[in-house]
PDB file of N, CA and C in Angstrom:
ATOM      1  N   MET A   1       0.642 132.906  90.424  1.00  0.00           N
ATOM      2  CA  MET A   1       0.687 132.229  89.149  1.00  0.00           C
ATOM      3  C   MET A   1       0.681 133.228  87.997  1.00  0.00           C
ATOM      4  N   LYS A   2      -0.125 134.271  88.108  1.00  0.00           N
ATOM      5  CA  LYS A   2      -0.200 135.292  87.062  1.00  0.00           C
ATOM      6  C   LYS A   2       1.152 135.989  86.892  1.00  0.00           C
ATOM      7  N   GLU A   3       1.885 136.195  88.021  1.00  0.00           N
ATOM      8  CA  GLU A   3       3.200 136.838  87.937  1.00  0.00           C
ATOM      9  C   GLU A   3       4.156 136.001  87.108  1.00  0.00           C
ATOM     10  N   LYS A   4       4.115 134.671  87.288  1.00  0.00           N
ATOM     11  CA  LYS A   4       4.992 133.784  86.537  1.00  0.00           C
ATOM     12  C   LYS A   4       4.691 133.883  85.040  1.00  0.00           C
ATOM     13  N   ILE A   5       3.432 133.890  84.677  1.00  0.00           N
ATOM     14  CA  ILE A   5       3.043 134.002  83.273  1.00  0.00           C
ATOM     15  C   ILE A   5       3.502 135.338  82.705  1.00  0.00           C
ATOM     16  N   ASP A   6       3.348 136.414  83.464  1.00  0.00           N
ATOM     17  CA  ASP A   6       3.783 137.730  82.995  1.00  0.00           C
ATOM     18  C   ASP A   6       5.289 137.768  82.778  1.00  0.00           C
ATOM     19  N   SER A   7       6.072 137.188  83.685  1.00  0.00           N
ATOM     20  CA  SER A   7       7.527 137.203  83.531  1.00  0.00           C
ATOM     21  C   SER A   7       7.952 136.356  82.337  1.00  0.00           C
ATOM     22  N   GLU A   8       7.273 135.245  82.088  1.00  0.00           N
ATOM     23  CA  GLU A   8       7.577 134.434  80.912  1.00  0.00           C
ATOM     24  C   GLU A   8       7.239 135.194  79.633  1.00  0.00           C
ATOM     25  N   ALA A   9       6.152 135.903  79.632  1.00  0.00           N
ATOM     26  CA  ALA A   9       5.767 136.704  78.474  1.00  0.00           C
ATOM     27  C   ALA A   9       6.804 137.792  78.218  1.00  0.00           C
ATOM     28  N   GLN A  10       7.316 138.408  79.279  1.00  0.00           N
ATOM     29  CA  GLN A  10       8.339 139.439  79.133  1.00  0.00           C
ATOM     30  C   GLN A  10       9.592 138.860  78.471  1.00  0.00           C
ATOM     31  N   CYS A  11       9.967 137.655  78.869  1.00  0.00           N
ATOM     32  CA  CYS A  11      11.140 137.018  78.265  1.00  0.00           C
ATOM     33  C   CYS A  11      10.958 136.830  76.771  1.00  0.00           C
ATOM     34  N   LEU A  12       9.773 136.502  76.361  1.00  0.00           N
ATOM     35  CA  LEU A  12       9.505 136.286  74.946  1.00  0.00           C
ATOM     36  C   LEU A  12       9.504 137.582  74.153  1.00  0.00           C
ATOM     37  N   LEU A  13       9.295 138.698  74.816  1.00  0.00           N
ATOM     38  CA  LEU A  13       9.230 139.985  74.130  1.00  0.00           C
ATOM     39  C   LEU A  13      10.603 140.644  73.966  1.00  0.00           C
ATOM     40  N   ILE A  14      11.616 140.104  74.599  1.00  0.00           N
ATOM     41  CA  ILE A  14      12.954 140.693  74.500  1.00  0.00           C
ATOM     42  C   ILE A  14      13.519 140.414  73.101  1.00  0.00           C
ATOM     43  N   SER A  15      13.998 141.440  72.466  1.00  0.00           N
ATOM     44  CA  SER A  15      14.596 141.316  71.140  1.00  0.00           C
ATOM     45  C   SER A  15      16.074 140.959  71.280  1.00  0.00           C
ATOM     46  N   TRP A  16      16.649 140.399  70.253  1.00  0.00           N
ATOM     47  CA  TRP A  16      18.075 140.114  70.264  1.00  0.00           C
ATOM     48  C   TRP A  16      18.889 141.393  70.437  1.00  0.00           C
ATOM     49  N   ARG A  17      18.309 142.511  70.041  1.00  0.00           N
ATOM     50  CA  ARG A  17      19.014 143.795  70.175  1.00  0.00           C
ATOM     51  C   ARG A  17      19.203 144.189  71.641  1.00  0.00           C
ATOM     52  N   ASN A  18      18.368 143.638  72.524  1.00  0.00           N
ATOM     53  CA  ASN A  18      18.457 143.960  73.939  1.00  0.00           C
ATOM     54  C   ASN A  18      19.395 143.035  74.709  1.00  0.00           C
ATOM     55  N   LEU A  19      19.932 142.021  74.045  1.00  0.00           N
ATOM     56  CA  LEU A  19      20.828 141.098  74.725  1.00  0.00           C
ATOM     57  C   LEU A  19      22.205 141.737  74.893  1.00  0.00           C
ATOM     58  N   PRO A  20      22.878 141.442  75.991  1.00  0.00           N
ATOM     59  CA  PRO A  20      24.228 141.995  76.178  1.00  0.00           C
ATOM     60  C   PRO A  20      25.193 141.350  75.186  1.00  0.00           C
ATOM     61  N   CYS A  21      26.217 142.094  74.815  1.00  0.00           N
ATOM     62  CA  CYS A  21      27.235 141.567  73.912  1.00  0.00           C
ATOM     63  C   CYS A  21      27.968 140.423  74.596  1.00  0.00           C
ATOM     64  N   GLY A  22      28.305 139.431  73.809  1.00  0.00           N
ATOM     65  CA  GLY A  22      29.123 138.329  74.308  1.00  0.00           C
ATOM     66  C   GLY A  22      30.582 138.715  74.144  1.00  0.00           C
ATOM     67  N   ALA A  23      31.413 137.734  73.987  1.00  0.00           N
ATOM     68  CA  ALA A  23      32.840 137.998  73.810  1.00  0.00           C
ATOM     69  C   ALA A  23      33.067 138.675  72.460  1.00  0.00           C
ATOM     70  N   ILE A  24      33.787 139.748  72.482  1.00  0.00           N
ATOM     71  CA  ILE A  24      34.167 140.431  71.250  1.00  0.00           C
ATOM     72  C   ILE A  24      35.674 140.270  71.117  1.00  0.00           C
ATOM     73  N   LEU A  25      36.080 139.519  70.119  1.00  0.00           N
ATOM     74  CA  LEU A  25      37.496 139.221  69.931  1.00  0.00           C
ATOM     75  C   LEU A  25      38.087 140.191  68.925  1.00  0.00           C
ATOM     76  N   THR A  26      39.043 140.939  69.368  1.00  0.00           N
ATOM     77  CA  THR A  26      39.666 141.927  68.491  1.00  0.00           C
ATOM     78  C   THR A  26      41.086 141.536  68.099  1.00  0.00           C
ATOM     79  N   ASP A  27      41.683 140.628  68.840  1.00  0.00           N
ATOM     80  CA  ASP A  27      43.051 140.197  68.556  1.00  0.00           C
ATOM     81  C   ASP A  27      43.002 138.911  67.736  1.00  0.00           C
ATOM     82  N   THR A  28      43.023 139.044  66.417  1.00  0.00           N
ATOM     83  CA  THR A  28      42.863 137.878  65.551  1.00  0.00           C
ATOM     84  C   THR A  28      44.031 136.902  65.671  1.00  0.00           C
ATOM     85  N   LYS A  29      45.191 137.375  66.060  1.00  0.00           N
ATOM     86  CA  LYS A  29      46.330 136.474  66.247  1.00  0.00           C
ATOM     87  C   LYS A  29      46.019 135.476  67.355  1.00  0.00           C
ATOM     88  N   ARG A  30      45.407 135.941  68.425  1.00  0.00           N
ATOM     89  CA  ARG A  30      45.070 135.064  69.554  1.00  0.00           C
ATOM     90  C   ARG A  30      44.002 134.045  69.174  1.00  0.00           C
ATOM     91  N   ILE A  31      43.111 134.411  68.266  1.00  0.00           N
ATOM     92  CA  ILE A  31      42.082 133.469  67.822  1.00  0.00           C
ATOM     93  C   ILE A  31      42.745 132.262  67.165  1.00  0.00           C
ATOM     94  N   LYS A  32      43.710 132.506  66.312  1.00  0.00           N
ATOM     95  CA  LYS A  32      44.401 131.409  65.632  1.00  0.00           C
ATOM     96  C   LYS A  32      45.204 130.557  66.605  1.00  0.00           C
ATOM     97  N   GLU A  33      45.681 131.150  67.686  1.00  0.00           N
ATOM     98  CA  GLU A  33      46.446 130.403  68.688  1.00  0.00           C
ATOM     99  C   GLU A  33      45.545 129.545  69.562  1.00  0.00           C
ATOM    100  N   ASN A  34      44.271 129.894  69.681  1.00  0.00           N
ATOM    101  CA  ASN A  34      43.335 129.199  70.563  1.00  0.00           C
ATOM    102  C   ASN A  34      42.674 128.038  69.813  1.00  0.00           C
ATOM    103  N   LYS A  35      43.407 126.964  69.660  1.00  0.00           N
ATOM    104  CA  LYS A  35      42.898 125.804  68.933  1.00  0.00           C
ATOM    105  C   LYS A  35      41.953 125.033  69.839  1.00  0.00           C
ATOM    106  N   THR A  36      40.690 125.034  69.461  1.00  0.00           N
ATOM    107  CA  THR A  36      39.627 124.497  70.313  1.00  0.00           C
ATOM    108  C   THR A  36      39.249 123.059  69.979  1.00  0.00           C
ATOM    109  N   GLY A  37      39.911 122.464  69.026  1.00  0.00           N
ATOM    110  CA  GLY A  37      39.561 121.112  68.606  1.00  0.00           C
ATOM    111  C   GLY A  37      39.766 120.047  69.661  1.00  0.00           C
ATOM    112  N   ALA A  38      40.587 120.310  70.658  1.00  0.00           N
ATOM    113  CA  ALA A  38      40.847 119.317  71.705  1.00  0.00           C
ATOM    114  C   ALA A  38      39.633 119.102  72.607  1.00  0.00           C
ATOM    115  N   TRP A  39      38.620 119.926  72.494  1.00  0.00           N
ATOM    116  CA  TRP A  39      37.436 119.831  73.345  1.00  0.00           C
ATOM    117  C   TRP A  39      36.494 118.716  72.934  1.00  0.00           C
ATOM    118  N   ARG A  40      36.559 118.280  71.714  1.00  0.00           N
ATOM    119  CA  ARG A  40      35.504 117.406  71.187  1.00  0.00           C
ATOM    120  C   ARG A  40      35.609 115.969  71.698  1.00  0.00           C
ATOM    121  N   SER A  41      34.444 115.322  71.735  1.00  0.00           N
ATOM    122  CA  SER A  41      34.375 113.904  72.089  1.00  0.00           C
ATOM    123  C   SER A  41      34.034 113.070  70.850  1.00  0.00           C
ATOM    124  N   GLU A  42      33.550 113.747  69.802  1.00  0.00           N
ATOM    125  CA  GLU A  42      33.300 113.094  68.518  1.00  0.00           C
ATOM    126  C   GLU A  42      33.936 113.938  67.417  1.00  0.00           C
ATOM    127  N   ARG A  43      34.270 113.295  66.317  1.00  0.00           N
ATOM    128  CA  ARG A  43      34.855 114.029  65.189  1.00  0.00           C
ATOM    129  C   ARG A  43      34.118 113.690  63.899  1.00  0.00           C
ATOM    130  N   PRO A  44      33.960 114.674  63.027  1.00  0.00           N
ATOM    131  CA  PRO A  44      33.337 114.388  61.736  1.00  0.00           C
ATOM    132  C   PRO A  44      34.356 113.725  60.811  1.00  0.00           C
ATOM    133  N   ILE A  45      33.905 112.720  60.102  1.00  0.00           N
ATOM    134  CA  ILE A  45      34.737 112.051  59.106  1.00  0.00           C
ATOM    135  C   ILE A  45      34.158 112.380  57.735  1.00  0.00           C
ATOM    136  N   TYR A  46      34.980 112.988  56.901  1.00  0.00           N
ATOM    137  CA  TYR A  46      34.553 113.459  55.583  1.00  0.00           C
ATOM    138  C   TYR A  46      34.946 112.444  54.519  1.00  0.00           C
ATOM    139  N   ASP A  47      33.995 112.039  53.686  1.00  0.00           N
ATOM    140  CA  ASP A  47      34.241 111.111  52.583  1.00  0.00           C
ATOM    141  C   ASP A  47      34.146 111.887  51.269  1.00  0.00           C
ATOM    142  N   GLU A  48      35.295 112.213  50.733  1.00  0.00           N
ATOM    143  CA  GLU A  48      35.385 113.012  49.504  1.00  0.00           C
ATOM    144  C   GLU A  48      34.646 112.363  48.328  1.00  0.00           C
ATOM    145  N   LYS A  49      34.646 111.035  48.274  1.00  0.00           N
ATOM    146  CA  LYS A  49      34.010 110.328  47.151  1.00  0.00           C
ATOM    147  C   LYS A  49      32.488 110.445  47.176  1.00  0.00           C
ATOM    148  N   LYS A  50      31.896 110.593  48.354  1.00  0.00           N
ATOM    149  CA  LYS A  50      30.443 110.704  48.472  1.00  0.00           C
ATOM    150  C   LYS A  50      29.938 112.139  48.338  1.00  0.00           C
ATOM    151  N   CYS A  51      30.802 113.116  48.572  1.00  0.00           N
ATOM    152  CA  CYS A  51      30.397 114.523  48.641  1.00  0.00           C
ATOM    153  C   CYS A  51      29.880 115.027  47.290  1.00  0.00           C
ATOM    154  N   ILE A  52      28.732 115.711  47.326  1.00  0.00           N
ATOM    155  CA  ILE A  52      28.153 116.290  46.098  1.00  0.00           C
ATOM    156  C   ILE A  52      28.433 117.796  46.002  1.00  0.00           C
ATOM    157  N   GLN A  53      29.238 118.326  46.911  1.00  0.00           N
ATOM    158  CA  GLN A  53      29.662 119.730  46.911  1.00  0.00           C
ATOM    159  C   GLN A  53      28.493 120.708  47.016  1.00  0.00           C
ATOM    160  N   CYS A  54      27.525 120.389  47.849  1.00  0.00           N
ATOM    161  CA  CYS A  54      26.391 121.302  48.053  1.00  0.00           C
ATOM    162  C   CYS A  54      26.772 122.450  49.001  1.00  0.00           C
ATOM    163  N   LEU A  55      27.831 122.275  49.777  1.00  0.00           N
ATOM    164  CA  LEU A  55      28.380 123.266  50.711  1.00  0.00           C
ATOM    165  C   LEU A  55      27.456 123.601  51.892  1.00  0.00           C
ATOM    166  N   VAL A  56      26.439 122.790  52.109  1.00  0.00           N
ATOM    167  CA  VAL A  56      25.546 123.041  53.237  1.00  0.00           C
ATOM    168  C   VAL A  56      26.317 122.909  54.555  1.00  0.00           C
ATOM    169  N   CYS A  57      27.215 121.954  54.645  1.00  0.00           N
ATOM    170  CA  CYS A  57      28.028 121.788  55.866  1.00  0.00           C
ATOM    171  C   CYS A  57      28.846 123.048  56.143  1.00  0.00           C
ATOM    172  N   TRP A  58      29.403 123.630  55.115  1.00  0.00           N
ATOM    173  CA  TRP A  58      30.211 124.847  55.247  1.00  0.00           C
ATOM    174  C   TRP A  58      29.359 126.013  55.741  1.00  0.00           C
ATOM    175  N   ILE A  59      28.140 126.105  55.223  1.00  0.00           N
ATOM    176  CA  ILE A  59      27.241 127.190  55.619  1.00  0.00           C
ATOM    177  C   ILE A  59      26.894 127.093  57.101  1.00  0.00           C
ATOM    178  N   TYR A  60      26.605 125.886  57.577  1.00  0.00           N
ATOM    179  CA  TYR A  60      26.115 125.707  58.940  1.00  0.00           C
ATOM    180  C   TYR A  60      27.196 125.514  59.998  1.00  0.00           C
ATOM    181  N   CYS A  61      28.415 125.233  59.626  1.00  0.00           N
ATOM    182  CA  CYS A  61      29.471 124.988  60.619  1.00  0.00           C
ATOM    183  C   CYS A  61      29.706 126.245  61.459  1.00  0.00           C
ATOM    184  N   PRO A  62      29.458 126.165  62.789  1.00  0.00           N
ATOM    185  CA  PRO A  62      29.612 127.352  63.632  1.00  0.00           C
ATOM    186  C   PRO A  62      31.071 127.727  63.904  1.00  0.00           C
ATOM    187  N   ASP A  63      31.993 126.844  63.562  1.00  0.00           N
ATOM    188  CA  ASP A  63      33.409 127.101  63.842  1.00  0.00           C
ATOM    189  C   ASP A  63      34.232 127.365  62.590  1.00  0.00           C
ATOM    190  N   ALA A  64      33.587 127.455  61.437  1.00  0.00           N
ATOM    191  CA  ALA A  64      34.285 127.658  60.155  1.00  0.00           C
ATOM    192  C   ALA A  64      35.380 126.604  59.967  1.00  0.00           C
ATOM    193  N   SER A  65      35.056 125.368  60.321  1.00  0.00           N
ATOM    194  CA  SER A  65      36.033 124.278  60.250  1.00  0.00           C
ATOM    195  C   SER A  65      35.966 123.480  58.955  1.00  0.00           C
ATOM    196  N   ILE A  66      34.979 123.744  58.125  1.00  0.00           N
ATOM    197  CA  ILE A  66      34.890 123.057  56.837  1.00  0.00           C
ATOM    198  C   ILE A  66      35.808 123.791  55.866  1.00  0.00           C
ATOM    199  N   LEU A  67      36.785 123.079  55.345  1.00  0.00           N
ATOM    200  CA  LEU A  67      37.771 123.688  54.449  1.00  0.00           C
ATOM    201  C   LEU A  67      37.262 123.650  53.012  1.00  0.00           C
ATOM    202  N   VAL A  68      37.245 124.806  52.375  1.00  0.00           N
ATOM    203  CA  VAL A  68      36.770 124.932  50.999  1.00  0.00           C
ATOM    204  C   VAL A  68      37.854 125.615  50.169  1.00  0.00           C
ATOM    205  N   GLN A  69      38.141 125.018  49.030  1.00  0.00           N
ATOM    206  CA  GLN A  69      39.077 125.616  48.070  1.00  0.00           C
ATOM    207  C   GLN A  69      38.443 125.546  46.692  1.00  0.00           C
ATOM    208  N   ASP A  70      38.487 126.631  45.971  1.00  0.00           N
ATOM    209  CA  ASP A  70      37.923 126.708  44.619  1.00  0.00           C
ATOM    210  C   ASP A  70      36.464 126.235  44.590  1.00  0.00           C
ATOM    211  N   GLY A  71      35.701 126.591  45.629  1.00  0.00           N
ATOM    212  CA  GLY A  71      34.283 126.267  45.676  1.00  0.00           C
ATOM    213  C   GLY A  71      33.956 124.828  46.006  1.00  0.00           C
ATOM    214  N   LYS A  72      34.938 124.068  46.505  1.00  0.00           N
ATOM    215  CA  LYS A  72      34.712 122.659  46.832  1.00  0.00           C
ATOM    216  C   LYS A  72      35.223 122.349  48.232  1.00  0.00           C
ATOM    217  N   VAL A  73      34.473 121.491  48.925  1.00  0.00           N
ATOM    218  CA  VAL A  73      34.909 121.030  50.240  1.00  0.00           C
ATOM    219  C   VAL A  73      36.130 120.143  50.038  1.00  0.00           C
ATOM    220  N   VAL A  74      37.194 120.437  50.794  1.00  0.00           N
ATOM    221  CA  VAL A  74      38.417 119.637  50.674  1.00  0.00           C
ATOM    222  C   VAL A  74      38.793 118.946  51.988  1.00  0.00           C
ATOM    223  N   GLY A  75      38.064 119.230  53.043  1.00  0.00           N
ATOM    224  CA  GLY A  75      38.366 118.581  54.311  1.00  0.00           C
ATOM    225  C   GLY A  75      37.811 119.339  55.494  1.00  0.00           C
ATOM    226  N   ILE A  76      38.292 118.950  56.667  1.00  0.00           N
ATOM    227  CA  ILE A  76      37.839 119.544  57.919  1.00  0.00           C
ATOM    228  C   ILE A  76      39.061 119.963  58.724  1.00  0.00           C
ATOM    229  N   ASN A  77      39.019 121.167  59.256  1.00  0.00           N
ATOM    230  CA  ASN A  77      40.105 121.674  60.087  1.00  0.00           C
ATOM    231  C   ASN A  77      39.870 121.201  61.521  1.00  0.00           C
ATOM    232  N   TYR A  78      40.530 120.121  61.893  1.00  0.00           N
ATOM    233  CA  TYR A  78      40.340 119.531  63.220  1.00  0.00           C
ATOM    234  C   TYR A  78      40.944 120.365  64.337  1.00  0.00           C
ATOM    235  N   ASP A  79      41.777 121.338  64.003  1.00  0.00           N
ATOM    236  CA  ASP A  79      42.323 122.227  65.040  1.00  0.00           C
ATOM    237  C   ASP A  79      41.216 123.048  65.698  1.00  0.00           C
ATOM    238  N   TYR A  80      40.159 123.358  64.947  1.00  0.00           N
ATOM    239  CA  TYR A  80      39.103 124.232  65.464  1.00  0.00           C
ATOM    240  C   TYR A  80      37.733 123.554  65.554  1.00  0.00           C
ATOM    241  N   CYS A  81      37.561 122.402  64.931  1.00  0.00           N
ATOM    242  CA  CYS A  81      36.286 121.675  64.985  1.00  0.00           C
ATOM    243  C   CYS A  81      36.044 121.180  66.410  1.00  0.00           C
ATOM    244  N   LYS A  82      34.857 121.495  66.943  1.00  0.00           N
ATOM    245  CA  LYS A  82      34.509 121.076  68.311  1.00  0.00           C
ATOM    246  C   LYS A  82      33.670 119.808  68.328  1.00  0.00           C
ATOM    247  N   GLY A  83      33.374 119.246  67.166  1.00  0.00           N
ATOM    248  CA  GLY A  83      32.655 117.983  67.109  1.00  0.00           C
ATOM    249  C   GLY A  83      31.179 118.083  67.417  1.00  0.00           C
ATOM    250  N   CYS A  84      30.564 119.206  67.106  1.00  0.00           N
ATOM    251  CA  CYS A  84      29.140 119.401  67.423  1.00  0.00           C
ATOM    252  C   CYS A  84      28.232 118.515  66.580  1.00  0.00           C
ATOM    253  N   GLY A  85      28.679 118.119  65.381  1.00  0.00           N
ATOM    254  CA  GLY A  85      27.897 117.233  64.534  1.00  0.00           C
ATOM    255  C   GLY A  85      26.914 117.924  63.609  1.00  0.00           C
ATOM    256  N   ILE A  86      26.899 119.250  63.612  1.00  0.00           N
ATOM    257  CA  ILE A  86      25.973 119.965  62.736  1.00  0.00           C
ATOM    258  C   ILE A  86      26.263 119.627  61.276  1.00  0.00           C
ATOM    259  N   CYS A  87      27.522 119.566  60.905  1.00  0.00           N
ATOM    260  CA  CYS A  87      27.882 119.270  59.516  1.00  0.00           C
ATOM    261  C   CYS A  87      27.312 117.925  59.077  1.00  0.00           C
ATOM    262  N   ALA A  88      27.418 116.922  59.925  1.00  0.00           N
ATOM    263  CA  ALA A  88      26.892 115.589  59.598  1.00  0.00           C
ATOM    264  C   ALA A  88      25.368 115.592  59.537  1.00  0.00           C
ATOM    265  N   SER A  89      24.737 116.376  60.417  1.00  0.00           N
ATOM    266  CA  SER A  89      23.272 116.382  60.443  1.00  0.00           C
ATOM    267  C   SER A  89      22.668 117.130  59.259  1.00  0.00           C
ATOM    268  N   VAL A  90      23.385 118.091  58.681  1.00  0.00           N
ATOM    269  CA  VAL A  90      22.841 118.826  57.529  1.00  0.00           C
ATOM    270  C   VAL A  90      23.280 118.236  56.190  1.00  0.00           C
ATOM    271  N   CYS A  91      24.219 117.314  56.223  1.00  0.00           N
ATOM    272  CA  CYS A  91      24.628 116.643  54.983  1.00  0.00           C
ATOM    273  C   CYS A  91      23.434 115.828  54.488  1.00  0.00           C
ATOM    274  N   PRO A  92      23.085 115.941  53.197  1.00  0.00           N
ATOM    275  CA  PRO A  92      21.920 115.219  52.693  1.00  0.00           C
ATOM    276  C   PRO A  92      21.961 113.730  53.067  1.00  0.00           C
ATOM    277  N   LYS A  93      20.852 113.223  53.555  1.00  0.00           N
ATOM    278  CA  LYS A  93      20.776 111.835  54.040  1.00  0.00           C
ATOM    279  C   LYS A  93      21.135 110.818  52.963  1.00  0.00           C
ATOM    280  N   LYS A  94      20.785 111.101  51.724  1.00  0.00           N
ATOM    281  CA  LYS A  94      21.120 110.166  50.640  1.00  0.00           C
ATOM    282  C   LYS A  94      22.620 110.139  50.360  1.00  0.00           C
ATOM    283  N   VAL A  95      23.316 111.198  50.773  1.00  0.00           N
ATOM    284  CA  VAL A  95      24.736 111.332  50.483  1.00  0.00           C
ATOM    285  C   VAL A  95      25.588 110.839  51.657  1.00  0.00           C
ATOM    286  N   GLN A  96      25.347 111.362  52.816  1.00  0.00           N
ATOM    287  CA  GLN A  96      26.095 111.062  54.044  1.00  0.00           C
ATOM    288  C   GLN A  96      27.609 111.097  53.829  1.00  0.00           C
ATOM    289  N   ALA A  97      28.073 112.217  53.281  1.00  0.00           N
ATOM    290  CA  ALA A  97      29.501 112.383  53.055  1.00  0.00           C
ATOM    291  C   ALA A  97      30.241 112.718  54.345  1.00  0.00           C
ATOM    292  N   ILE A  98      29.497 113.114  55.371  1.00  0.00           N
ATOM    293  CA  ILE A  98      30.108 113.389  56.680  1.00  0.00           C
ATOM    294  C   ILE A  98      29.362 112.562  57.719  1.00  0.00           C
ATOM    295  N   ARG A  99      30.114 111.804  58.486  1.00  0.00           N
ATOM    296  CA  ARG A  99      29.539 111.032  59.582  1.00  0.00           C
ATOM    297  C   ARG A  99      30.373 111.291  60.835  1.00  0.00           C
ATOM    298  N   MET A 100      29.762 111.111  61.971  1.00  0.00           N
ATOM    299  CA  MET A 100      30.451 111.348  63.236  1.00  0.00           C
ATOM    300  C   MET A 100      30.956 110.022  63.802  1.00  0.00           C
ATOM    301  N   GLU A 101      32.140 110.094  64.419  1.00  0.00           N
ATOM    302  CA  GLU A 101      32.656 108.932  65.137  1.00  0.00           C
ATOM    303  C   GLU A 101      33.312 109.398  66.432  1.00  0.00           C
ATOM    304  N   LYS A 102      33.424 108.514  67.395  1.00  0.00           N
ATOM    305  CA  LYS A 102      34.038 108.830  68.678  1.00  0.00           C
ATOM    306  C   LYS A 102      35.471 109.283  68.462  1.00  0.00           C
ATOM    307  N   GLU A 103      35.873 110.292  69.203  1.00  0.00           N
ATOM    308  CA  GLU A 103      37.245 110.807  69.131  1.00  0.00           C
ATOM    309  C   GLU A 103      38.193 109.775  69.721  1.00  0.00           C
ATOM    310  N   LYS A 104      39.288 109.539  69.040  1.00  0.00           N
ATOM    311  CA  LYS A 104      40.326 108.631  69.552  1.00  0.00           C
ATOM    312  C   LYS A 104      41.402 109.479  70.213  1.00  0.00           C
ATOM    313  N   LYS A 105      41.559 109.323  71.499  1.00  0.00           N
ATOM    314  CA  LYS A 105      42.540 110.154  72.216  1.00  0.00           C
ATOM    315  C   LYS A 105      43.737 109.355  72.616  1.00  0.00           C
TER     316      LYS A 105
END
C-alpha cells in the first residue's frame, strides 16, 4: 500500500517540463488541409444579436475556430471546430450568445 502512495506522490511531483513533446507540426500547409470539423457530434451556434463582444470564447477556444475581425466575433470556423462546447460554456450565462446543438449530418 505504501508503494502505491509513493508512486502517486511521484506523479504529482512531475513538472510539465518533464513531459514528452506531443505532436510538433512544422508544415503549416498541411495544418490547413487537415480540416477536423467533421469529427464533432455537436456544433456551436453563434447569435450575433446576443453577443456582447467580450471575446472570452475566442480566448478559450482550443482550435482557434472563433472568427474575429476588427476586434469583434463574426462567426465560427466549422472547418476546424471540433464541437467541444468550451465556447458555449464560457459565454456569460446572462448572454448565451453561443449554444450547442446536435450536428446534422
